[in-house]
Amino acid sequence: MRHDYSSVKNIYIICGKTDMRKGIDGLATLIQDAFELDPYGNSTFLFSGWSKDRYKCLYFDGDSLAML
């Protein structure tokens, strides 16, 4: 999947240790409940786990959420 990410308005880096077993729905719920942000907006969310060499990125491409 190739996508132009230059139009992303905000990039949020979620500090702390996130459970990397969570999927798209779990991370979207975390964004809505804990941070009161809209996961379906023009934003990218970066999550890190317990291991500092693993990250997940959640992005709404206009059609659905994508996890990178």
C-alpha atoms as a PDB file:
ATOM      1  CA  MET A   1       0.000   0.000   0.000  1.00  0.00           C
ATOM      2  CA  ARG A   2       1.463   3.311  -1.059  1.00  0.00           C
ATOM      3  CA  HIS A   3      -0.017   6.439   0.353  1.00  0.00           C
ATOM      4  CA  ASP A   4       1.034  10.071   0.500  1.00  0.00           C
ATOM      5  CA  TYR A   5       1.371  10.939   4.199  1.00  0.00           C
ATOM      6  CA  SER A   6       2.400  14.548   3.559  1.00  0.00           C
ATOM      7  CA  SER A   7      -1.205  15.688   4.043  1.00  0.00           C
ATOM      8  CA  VAL A   8      -1.319  14.464   7.656  1.00  0.00           C
ATOM      9  CA  LYS A   9      -2.240  17.393   9.876  1.00  0.00           C
ATOM     10  CA  ASN A  10      -1.120  16.075  13.303  1.00  0.00           C
ATOM     11  CA  ILE A  11       1.260  13.376  14.492  1.00  0.00           C
ATOM     12  CA  TYR A  12       0.645  12.195  18.045  1.00  0.00           C
ATOM     13  CA  ILE A  13       3.314  10.193  19.865  1.00  0.00           C
ATOM     14  CA  ILE A  14       1.612   8.279  22.652  1.00  0.00           C
ATOM     15  CA  CYS A  15       4.060   8.262  25.563  1.00  0.00           C
ATOM     16  CA  GLY A  16       4.195   5.306  27.885  1.00  0.00           C
ATOM     17  CA  LYS A  17       4.057   1.597  27.269  1.00  0.00           C
ATOM     18  CA  THR A  18       1.178   0.337  25.153  1.00  0.00           C
ATOM     19  CA  ASP A  19       0.105  -3.291  25.008  1.00  0.00           C
ATOM     20  CA  MET A  20       1.295  -4.297  21.533  1.00  0.00           C
ATOM     21  CA  ARG A  21      -1.219  -7.170  21.462  1.00  0.00           C
ATOM     22  CA  LYS A  22      -3.956  -4.614  20.800  1.00  0.00           C
ATOM     23  CA  GLY A  23      -5.255  -4.428  17.285  1.00  0.00           C
ATOM     24  CA  ILE A  24      -6.804  -1.601  15.325  1.00  0.00           C
ATOM     25  CA  ASP A  25     -10.026  -1.529  17.348  1.00  0.00           C
ATOM     26  CA  GLY A  26      -8.228  -1.602  20.702  1.00  0.00           C
ATOM     27  CA  LEU A  27      -5.879   1.226  19.769  1.00  0.00           C
ATOM     28  CA  ALA A  28      -8.738   3.316  18.330  1.00  0.00           C
ATOM     29  CA  THR A  29     -10.685   2.835  21.571  1.00  0.00           C
ATOM     30  CA  LEU A  30      -7.610   3.874  23.574  1.00  0.00           C
ATOM     31  CA  ILE A  31      -7.315   7.056  21.501  1.00  0.00           C
ATOM     32  CA  GLN A  32     -10.979   7.904  22.035  1.00  0.00           C
ATOM     33  CA  ASP A  33     -11.270   7.040  25.723  1.00  0.00           C
ATOM     34  CA  ALA A  34      -7.906   7.939  27.248  1.00  0.00           C
ATOM     35  CA  PHE A  35      -6.912  10.900  25.088  1.00  0.00           C
ATOM     36  CA  GLU A  36     -10.325  12.119  23.884  1.00  0.00           C
ATOM     37  CA  LEU A  37      -9.065  12.429  20.301  1.00  0.00           C
ATOM     38  CA  ASP A  38     -10.704  11.381  17.044  1.00  0.00           C
ATOM     39  CA  PRO A  39      -8.874   8.425  15.449  1.00  0.00           C
ATOM     40  CA  TYR A  40     -10.777   9.090  12.207  1.00  0.00           C
ATOM     41  CA  GLY A  41      -9.380  12.598  11.779  1.00  0.00           C
ATOM     42  CA  ASN A  42      -6.441  13.683   9.686  1.00  0.00           C
ATOM     43  CA  SER A  43      -3.892  12.472  12.235  1.00  0.00           C
ATOM     44  CA  THR A  44      -1.345   9.723  12.731  1.00  0.00           C
ATOM     45  CA  PHE A  45      -0.839   8.043  16.104  1.00  0.00           C
ATOM     46  CA  LEU A  46       2.414   6.341  17.102  1.00  0.00           C
ATOM     47  CA  PHE A  47       2.518   3.792  19.934  1.00  0.00           C
ATOM     48  CA  SER A  48       5.508   2.102  21.559  1.00  0.00           C
ATOM     49  CA  GLY A  49       5.507  -1.112  23.547  1.00  0.00           C
ATOM     50  CA  TRP A  50       7.574  -2.488  26.392  1.00  0.00           C
ATOM     51  CA  SER A  51      10.398  -3.213  23.999  1.00  0.00           C
ATOM     52  CA  LYS A  52      11.791   0.052  22.722  1.00  0.00           C
ATOM     53  CA  ASP A  53      12.442  -1.328  19.249  1.00  0.00           C
ATOM     54  CA  ARG A  54       8.790  -1.974  18.335  1.00  0.00           C
ATOM     55  CA  TYR A  55       6.242   0.602  17.291  1.00  0.00           C
ATOM     56  CA  LYS A  56       2.755   0.671  15.827  1.00  0.00           C
ATOM     57  CA  CYS A  57       1.234   3.446  13.789  1.00  0.00           C
ATOM     58  CA  LEU A  58      -2.504   4.012  13.384  1.00  0.00           C
ATOM     59  CA  TYR A  59      -3.699   6.071  10.436  1.00  0.00           C
ATOM     60  CA  PHE A  60      -7.123   6.757   8.890  1.00  0.00           C
ATOM     61  CA  ASP A  61      -6.777   6.820   5.114  1.00  0.00           C
ATOM     62  CA  GLY A  62     -10.266   8.131   4.386  1.00  0.00           C
ATOM     63  CA  ASP A  63     -11.776   4.677   3.970  1.00  0.00           C
ATOM     64  CA  SER A  64     -10.665   2.696   7.028  1.00  0.00           C
ATOM     65  CA  LEU A  65      -8.065   2.632   9.758  1.00  0.00           C
ATOM     66  CA  ALA A  66      -4.690   1.218   8.799  1.00  0.00           C
ATOM     67  CA  MET A  67      -2.066  -0.133  11.174  1.00  0.00           C
ATOM     68  CA  LEU A  68       1.520   0.259  10.052  1.00  0.00           C
END
